[in-house]
Amino acid sequence: MRPARSESLTGDERIAALERAAAERILILDGAMGTMIQGYRLDEAGYRGDRFADFHRDVKGNNDLLNLTRPDVISDIHGAFLAAGADIIETNTFNANAISQADYDLSDLAAEMNLAGARIARAAADAAAAETPDKPRWVAGALGPTNRTASISPDVENPGFRNVTFDQLAAAYKEAAAALIEGGVDLLLVETIFDTLNAKAAILAIEELFDERGARAPVMISGTITDLSGRNLSGQTVEAFWNSVRHARPFAVGLNCAFGAEQISSHLADLAHVADTLICTYPNAGLPNEMGEYDETPDETAAFLKTWAETGIVNLLGGCCGTTPAHIHAIAEAVRSLPPRVLPDVPVRMRLSGLEPFNLAS
C-alpha cells in the first residue's frame, strides 16, 4: 500500500514516522543557518524591512528578525538544506527569546519570531515532503542558550553576581517553546548548551508546557564543549552533563558547535557509551581560520562523520557553523548505507553529577 503523503500526516503520525525512520537509518539534520544568511550580505535596511524602517536601534545581525522581515530568505535556506538531503530542519530561532532579544529592544517580539520561524520551516518541510511522498521531513524548534549564563558570574570581581535568574530563563524558554509548538514544529531542540543550569531551566519550562497542553513532543538536547578536555563552560564532562539532563527523557542527546568533528570525536564516543537514547551531533566545519571563516570542505567533514557511523556511535548527523548544503549533501551520501547506532543496555543505578559523574553501583 502506498504510504500516506507525509505533508498530510497529523502531528502524531509524523512523530510515529520519525521514530520508525530513526530505527531504520541515520537521520540527517540541516547545516548552519547563520552561515547561509551571511551569504546574502544583507545590510541594515535588509534586516529592517518596511516594518522596522524607523526602528530606534540597529538590527543588522539579528537573524531571528528575518523571520518577520525577510521570510523569503529563510524559506530559501530551508529549501536548500532539504534539497541537499536533510530529514530534519531547524527553525531560525536560535536567539528568538526575550533575554537575547533585549539587546535589540525586541523582547516583546520573541514569541512572534518563534511563531513565524516555525511556520516558515513547516511550510518548507511540507513542500519538500510533497515532492518526495515516501520521505517525510520534520521540523525541530531551535531553542538557543541565550546570551546569559546562570552558573557563572559575568563580573570577575564578584563571583556571586548573576545577570539572569533561573526563573527568568525558564519564562523565556517557555514563551519561545509555546510559540514554536503553535507554529507546527515536530520536536523541540535545546541546543548549543554551554551552561547546564540554563538547559535545566529550559527543561523545566518545556515540562510545564507539556503538562499544560496535556501532550508531549520529542525533545532533543545538544551540549557544547568549550575545551579539548571535553567540558562545557560550566565545567561538566559529557557524562556528568548527561546525568544532569537525562530526566528529560530526550528523544536524542548530543554535541554541537564549538569544535569540528576531529576535536569532539572522543567525547562523542564517551556520550554514546552512557546515553540510553539516540545520539545526535552536528559539529562545525572544522576550526575557524584567522579570519573567522571555516575551511573544511564538504568531503572532509563527511569523512569524519562517516567514521562515526562506521563505528556505530551516531543516530542523527548534521552540521553547525560553516556548514552549507554541500556539506549536508556530502554527509547524507557518506552515511546512506550505514546503520544507525544501537542503543546500549545501560544498567539501572543512581546517577548523579557535579562537575564529574557519580554513579552509585547497586
Protein backbone atom coordinates (compact mmCIF):
# COMPACT_ATOMS: atom_id res chain seq x y z
CA MET A 1 0.00 0.00 0.00
CA ARG A 2 1.34 3.44 -0.89
CA PRO A 3 2.33 5.46 2.20
CA ALA A 4 0.24 8.49 3.09
CA ARG A 5 1.63 11.71 1.74
CA SER A 6 3.82 12.99 4.54
CA GLU A 7 2.65 16.61 4.31
CA SER A 8 -0.89 15.40 5.09
CA LEU A 9 0.10 13.49 8.23
CA THR A 10 -1.05 14.66 11.62
CA GLY A 11 1.50 15.68 14.22
CA ASP A 12 1.24 12.31 15.99
CA GLU A 13 1.63 10.46 12.69
CA ARG A 14 4.74 12.49 11.84
CA ILE A 15 6.30 11.59 15.19
CA ALA A 16 5.50 7.92 14.70
CA ALA A 17 7.12 8.16 11.27
CA LEU A 18 10.14 9.88 12.82
CA GLU A 19 10.59 7.09 15.36
CA ARG A 20 10.37 4.46 12.64
CA ALA A 21 12.86 6.28 10.44
CA ALA A 22 15.32 6.70 13.33
CA ALA A 23 15.19 2.95 13.94
CA GLU A 24 15.97 2.21 10.31
CA ARG A 25 18.66 4.69 9.30
CA ILE A 26 20.87 7.57 10.29
CA LEU A 27 18.81 10.74 10.02
CA ILE A 28 20.25 13.94 8.58
CA LEU A 29 19.93 17.38 10.13
CA ASP A 30 20.47 20.63 8.29
CA GLY A 31 23.50 22.91 8.42
CA ALA A 32 24.39 26.41 9.53
CA MET A 33 21.60 28.97 9.21
CA GLY A 34 23.91 31.82 10.19
CA THR A 35 26.50 30.87 7.60
CA MET A 36 23.84 30.84 4.90
CA ILE A 37 22.36 34.17 5.96
CA GLN A 38 25.79 35.77 5.77
CA GLY A 39 25.93 34.75 2.13
CA TYR A 40 23.02 37.09 1.37
CA ARG A 41 25.08 40.08 2.57
CA LEU A 42 22.06 41.90 3.94
CA ASP A 43 22.66 45.46 5.08
CA GLU A 44 20.84 47.33 7.84
CA ALA A 45 17.92 48.11 5.55
CA GLY A 46 17.78 44.48 4.52
CA TYR A 47 17.28 43.42 8.10
CA ARG A 48 14.80 46.17 8.90
CA GLY A 49 12.40 45.72 6.03
CA ASP A 50 9.43 48.07 5.83
CA ARG A 51 8.08 47.21 9.25
CA PHE A 52 11.19 48.33 11.14
CA ALA A 53 12.39 51.05 8.77
CA ASP A 54 12.20 53.67 11.51
CA PHE A 55 13.15 51.48 14.46
CA HIS A 56 15.34 53.29 17.01
CA ARG A 57 18.07 50.62 17.24
CA ASP A 58 20.34 48.99 14.68
CA VAL A 59 19.14 45.46 13.97
CA LYS A 60 21.69 44.18 11.47
CA GLY A 61 22.85 40.77 12.65
CA ASN A 62 19.59 39.93 14.37
CA ASN A 63 19.00 36.86 12.25
CA ASP A 64 15.79 35.89 14.04
CA LEU A 65 14.18 39.17 12.97
CA LEU A 66 14.41 37.96 9.37
CA ASN A 67 11.52 35.60 10.13
CA LEU A 68 9.42 38.76 10.13
CA THR A 69 11.19 40.96 7.59
CA ARG A 70 12.69 38.50 5.06
CA PRO A 71 10.81 35.21 5.34
CA ASP A 72 11.74 34.55 1.71
CA VAL A 73 15.42 34.35 2.64
CA ILE A 74 14.79 31.92 5.49
CA SER A 75 12.47 29.81 3.36
CA ASP A 76 15.05 29.59 0.58
CA ILE A 77 17.72 28.45 3.06
CA HIS A 78 15.45 25.76 4.45
CA GLY A 79 14.70 24.65 0.91
CA ALA A 80 18.38 24.39 0.05
CA PHE A 81 19.10 22.15 3.03
CA LEU A 82 16.07 19.98 2.32
CA ALA A 83 17.14 19.59 -1.31
CA ALA A 84 20.59 18.58 -0.05
CA GLY A 85 19.09 15.67 1.85
CA ALA A 86 18.16 16.97 5.30
CA ASP A 87 15.44 14.97 7.05
CA ILE A 88 15.11 17.49 9.88
CA ILE A 89 15.44 21.26 9.56
CA GLU A 90 15.85 23.67 12.47
CA THR A 91 13.81 26.82 12.81
CA ASN A 92 15.63 30.14 12.52
CA THR A 93 15.01 30.91 16.19
CA PHE A 94 18.37 30.43 17.89
CA ASN A 95 18.18 33.84 19.61
CA ALA A 96 14.41 34.34 19.44
CA ASN A 97 13.94 34.62 23.19
CA ALA A 98 13.12 37.58 25.38
CA ILE A 99 16.54 37.57 27.06
CA SER A 100 18.67 37.63 23.90
CA GLN A 101 16.33 39.99 22.07
CA ALA A 102 16.71 42.55 24.86
CA ASP A 103 19.96 43.56 23.15
CA TYR A 104 17.84 44.91 20.31
CA ASP A 105 14.91 46.18 22.43
CA LEU A 106 12.80 43.50 20.74
CA SER A 107 11.97 41.22 23.67
CA ASP A 108 8.26 41.78 23.12
CA LEU A 109 8.53 40.21 19.66
CA ALA A 110 10.19 36.97 20.77
CA ALA A 111 7.02 34.91 20.61
CA GLU A 112 6.14 36.31 17.18
CA MET A 113 9.61 35.48 15.87
CA ASN A 114 9.26 31.88 17.04
CA LEU A 115 5.78 31.52 15.63
CA ALA A 116 6.84 32.90 12.25
CA GLY A 117 10.03 30.83 12.22
CA ALA A 118 8.10 27.65 12.92
CA ARG A 119 5.57 28.37 10.19
CA ILE A 120 8.26 29.12 7.61
CA ALA A 121 10.08 25.88 8.39
CA ARG A 122 6.86 23.87 8.48
CA ALA A 123 5.86 25.14 5.05
CA ALA A 124 9.31 24.34 3.62
CA ALA A 125 9.33 20.85 5.12
CA ASP A 126 5.83 20.11 3.85
CA ALA A 127 6.72 21.37 0.37
CA ALA A 128 9.74 19.06 0.27
CA ALA A 129 7.66 16.15 1.56
CA ALA A 130 5.10 16.76 -1.17
CA GLU A 131 7.82 16.22 -3.77
CA THR A 132 9.05 13.01 -2.07
CA PRO A 133 5.94 11.39 -0.57
CA ASP A 134 7.87 8.38 0.68
CA LYS A 135 10.30 10.57 2.63
CA PRO A 136 8.73 12.64 5.42
CA ARG A 137 10.52 15.76 6.63
CA TRP A 138 10.47 17.10 10.16
CA VAL A 139 10.92 20.47 11.87
CA ALA A 140 12.91 20.99 15.06
CA GLY A 141 12.14 24.14 17.02
CA ALA A 142 15.52 25.63 17.92
CA LEU A 143 15.95 26.96 21.46
CA GLY A 144 19.39 28.53 21.82
CA PRO A 145 21.25 29.00 25.10
CA THR A 146 20.50 32.76 25.44
CA ASN A 147 23.34 35.23 25.94
CA ARG A 148 23.36 34.87 29.72
CA THR A 149 24.71 32.15 32.00
CA ALA A 150 23.05 31.05 35.22
CA SER A 151 26.11 29.30 36.68
CA ILE A 152 28.87 31.83 36.19
CA SER A 153 29.25 35.46 37.15
CA PRO A 154 29.95 37.90 34.30
CA ASP A 155 31.87 40.03 36.83
CA VAL A 156 35.27 38.60 37.76
CA GLU A 157 35.31 40.89 40.82
CA ASN A 158 32.04 39.45 42.14
CA PRO A 159 31.79 35.64 41.71
CA GLY A 160 28.34 35.56 43.32
CA PHE A 161 26.76 38.02 40.88
CA ARG A 162 24.36 36.80 38.20
CA ASN A 163 22.80 38.89 35.43
CA VAL A 164 19.89 36.48 34.98
CA THR A 165 17.78 34.30 37.26
CA PHE A 166 16.68 30.74 36.76
CA ASP A 167 13.04 31.86 36.69
CA GLN A 168 13.77 34.47 34.00
CA LEU A 169 15.42 31.83 31.85
CA ALA A 170 12.54 29.40 32.33
CA ALA A 171 9.97 32.06 31.43
CA ALA A 172 11.85 33.00 28.26
CA TYR A 173 12.20 29.38 27.19
CA LYS A 174 8.56 28.64 27.89
CA GLU A 175 7.36 31.58 25.81
CA ALA A 176 9.56 30.54 22.90
CA ALA A 177 8.67 26.84 23.10
CA ALA A 178 4.94 27.56 23.23
CA ALA A 179 5.14 29.66 20.06
CA LEU A 180 7.23 27.03 18.28
CA ILE A 181 4.68 24.33 19.04
CA GLU A 182 1.84 26.61 17.94
CA GLY A 183 3.71 27.17 14.69
CA GLY A 184 3.83 23.46 13.93
CA VAL A 185 7.25 22.09 14.90
CA ASP A 186 7.60 18.36 15.45
CA LEU A 187 10.41 18.48 18.01
CA LEU A 188 11.98 20.93 20.42
CA LEU A 189 15.76 21.25 20.23
CA VAL A 190 17.55 22.73 23.25
CA GLU A 191 20.90 23.36 21.63
CA THR A 192 24.43 24.71 21.99
CA ILE A 193 24.22 24.30 25.76
CA PHE A 194 27.29 25.82 27.38
CA ASP A 195 25.76 26.10 30.86
CA THR A 196 23.86 23.08 32.13
CA LEU A 197 21.80 25.22 34.51
CA ASN A 198 20.41 27.14 31.54
CA ALA A 199 19.43 23.81 30.00
CA LYS A 200 17.72 22.72 33.18
CA ALA A 201 15.65 25.93 33.08
CA ALA A 202 14.68 25.04 29.51
CA ILE A 203 13.74 21.50 30.52
CA LEU A 204 11.59 22.77 33.39
CA ALA A 205 9.84 25.22 31.08
CA ILE A 206 9.20 22.56 28.45
CA GLU A 207 7.83 20.10 31.01
CA GLU A 208 5.48 22.77 32.40
CA LEU A 209 4.32 23.49 28.86
CA PHE A 210 3.70 19.81 28.17
CA ASP A 211 1.69 19.50 31.39
CA GLU A 212 -0.44 22.50 30.45
CA ARG A 213 -1.05 21.18 26.93
CA GLY A 214 -1.72 17.64 28.05
CA ALA A 215 0.56 16.40 25.29
CA ARG A 216 4.27 15.89 24.80
CA ALA A 217 6.62 16.37 21.88
CA PRO A 218 10.05 14.83 21.35
CA VAL A 219 12.90 16.83 22.86
CA MET A 220 16.48 16.89 21.63
CA ILE A 221 19.27 18.17 23.87
CA SER A 222 22.63 19.20 22.45
CA GLY A 223 25.53 20.40 24.55
CA THR A 224 28.68 22.30 23.65
CA ILE A 225 32.11 21.52 24.99
CA THR A 226 34.36 24.53 25.25
CA ASP A 227 37.81 23.00 25.66
CA LEU A 228 39.60 19.90 24.46
CA SER A 229 39.22 18.22 27.85
CA GLY A 230 35.58 17.74 26.96
CA ARG A 231 33.90 20.04 29.46
CA ASN A 232 31.23 22.65 28.90
CA LEU A 233 31.59 26.23 30.12
CA SER A 234 30.05 25.39 33.48
CA GLY A 235 32.70 22.70 33.94
CA GLN A 236 30.86 19.43 33.37
CA THR A 237 32.17 16.44 31.49
CA VAL A 238 29.85 14.94 28.89
CA GLU A 239 28.81 12.09 31.19
CA ALA A 240 28.08 14.49 34.04
CA PHE A 241 26.08 16.61 31.60
CA TRP A 242 24.07 13.57 30.57
CA ASN A 243 23.38 12.67 34.19
CA SER A 244 22.10 16.22 34.69
CA VAL A 245 19.62 16.20 31.82
CA ARG A 246 18.62 12.55 31.34
CA HIS A 247 15.47 13.08 33.45
CA ALA A 248 14.03 14.97 30.46
CA ARG A 249 13.78 11.63 28.63
CA PRO A 250 15.11 13.19 25.43
CA PHE A 251 14.49 11.70 22.04
CA ALA A 252 18.18 12.39 21.36
CA VAL A 253 21.17 13.88 23.12
CA GLY A 254 24.44 15.04 21.64
CA LEU A 255 27.03 17.69 20.95
CA ASN A 256 27.22 20.60 18.52
CA CYS A 257 29.24 23.72 17.77
CA ALA A 258 32.50 24.98 19.35
CA PHE A 259 34.74 22.47 17.56
CA GLY A 260 34.91 20.43 14.42
CA ALA A 261 34.37 16.70 14.24
CA GLU A 262 38.02 15.84 14.80
CA GLN A 263 38.13 17.63 18.15
CA ILE A 264 34.89 16.23 19.61
CA SER A 265 35.24 12.64 18.40
CA SER A 266 36.40 11.01 21.64
CA HIS A 267 33.91 12.97 23.75
CA LEU A 268 31.05 11.97 21.46
CA ALA A 269 32.09 8.33 21.85
CA ASP A 270 32.02 8.75 25.64
CA LEU A 271 28.47 10.09 25.44
CA ALA A 272 27.36 7.31 23.10
CA HIS A 273 28.61 4.75 25.60
CA VAL A 274 26.49 6.02 28.52
CA ALA A 275 23.35 7.54 26.96
CA ASP A 276 20.42 5.16 26.54
CA THR A 277 18.83 7.32 23.86
CA LEU A 278 19.68 8.43 20.33
CA ILE A 279 22.94 10.28 19.74
CA CYS A 280 22.82 13.44 17.66
CA THR A 281 25.81 15.52 16.63
CA TYR A 282 26.35 18.42 14.27
CA PRO A 283 29.89 19.81 14.51
CA ASN A 284 31.37 22.88 12.90
CA ALA A 285 33.16 22.64 9.58
CA GLY A 286 36.46 22.32 11.40
CA LEU A 287 38.07 25.14 13.33
CA PRO A 288 37.84 28.75 12.11
CA ASN A 289 40.83 30.29 10.39
CA GLU A 290 42.41 33.61 11.36
CA MET A 291 39.60 35.42 9.54
CA GLY A 292 36.90 33.54 11.42
CA GLU A 293 35.95 31.50 8.36
CA TYR A 294 35.67 27.74 8.02
CA ASP A 295 37.87 25.94 5.51
CA GLU A 296 36.87 22.29 6.00
CA THR A 297 35.41 21.03 2.75
CA PRO A 298 32.20 19.02 2.48
CA ASP A 299 34.17 15.85 1.68
CA GLU A 300 36.45 16.36 4.68
CA THR A 301 33.52 16.88 7.06
CA ALA A 302 31.66 13.90 5.61
CA ALA A 303 34.70 11.65 6.02
CA PHE A 304 34.90 12.40 9.74
CA LEU A 305 31.19 11.80 10.27
CA LYS A 306 31.24 8.62 8.19
CA THR A 307 33.84 7.23 10.60
CA TRP A 308 31.43 7.80 13.49
CA ALA A 309 28.70 5.98 11.59
CA GLU A 310 31.04 3.10 10.77
CA THR A 311 31.93 2.69 14.44
CA GLY A 312 28.26 2.73 15.41
CA ILE A 313 28.09 5.75 17.71
CA VAL A 314 25.58 8.06 15.96
CA ASN A 315 21.89 8.20 15.04
CA LEU A 316 21.49 11.76 13.71
CA LEU A 317 24.12 13.81 11.87
CA GLY A 318 24.25 17.37 10.59
CA GLY A 319 26.38 20.48 10.61
CA CYS A 320 26.84 23.63 12.65
CA CYS A 321 28.95 26.74 11.94
CA GLY A 322 30.41 26.88 8.48
CA THR A 323 28.39 24.01 7.04
CA THR A 324 26.45 24.55 3.83
CA PRO A 325 24.02 22.48 1.77
CA ALA A 326 27.07 20.97 0.06
CA HIS A 327 28.28 19.70 3.45
CA ILE A 328 24.88 18.24 4.26
CA HIS A 329 24.66 16.53 0.88
CA ALA A 330 28.12 15.01 1.34
CA ILE A 331 27.23 13.77 4.83
CA ALA A 332 23.95 12.26 3.65
CA GLU A 333 25.67 10.43 0.82
CA ALA A 334 28.52 9.21 3.03
CA VAL A 335 26.27 7.52 5.59
CA ARG A 336 23.39 6.48 3.34
CA SER A 337 24.12 2.74 3.55
CA LEU A 338 25.30 2.66 7.17
CA PRO A 339 23.03 1.54 10.02
CA PRO A 340 22.17 3.73 12.99
CA ARG A 341 23.69 3.20 16.41
CA VAL A 342 22.10 0.54 18.56
CA LEU A 343 21.11 1.84 21.99
CA PRO A 344 23.32 0.40 24.74
CA ASP A 345 21.95 -1.62 27.63
CA VAL A 346 22.80 0.77 30.47
CA PRO A 347 22.44 -0.74 33.96
CA VAL A 348 19.93 0.90 36.27
CA ARG A 349 21.66 2.70 39.12
CA MET A 350 21.73 6.04 40.87
CA ARG A 351 23.46 8.51 38.55
CA LEU A 352 24.30 11.93 39.92
CA SER A 353 26.63 14.69 38.83
CA GLY A 354 28.58 17.70 39.82
CA LEU A 355 31.43 18.59 37.53
CA GLU A 356 32.08 14.85 37.32
CA PRO A 357 29.59 11.98 37.15
CA PHE A 358 28.78 9.99 40.27
CA ASN A 359 27.29 6.60 39.50
CA LEU A 360 26.38 4.52 42.54
CA ALA A 361 26.70 0.81 41.84
CA SER A 362 24.00 -1.41 43.33
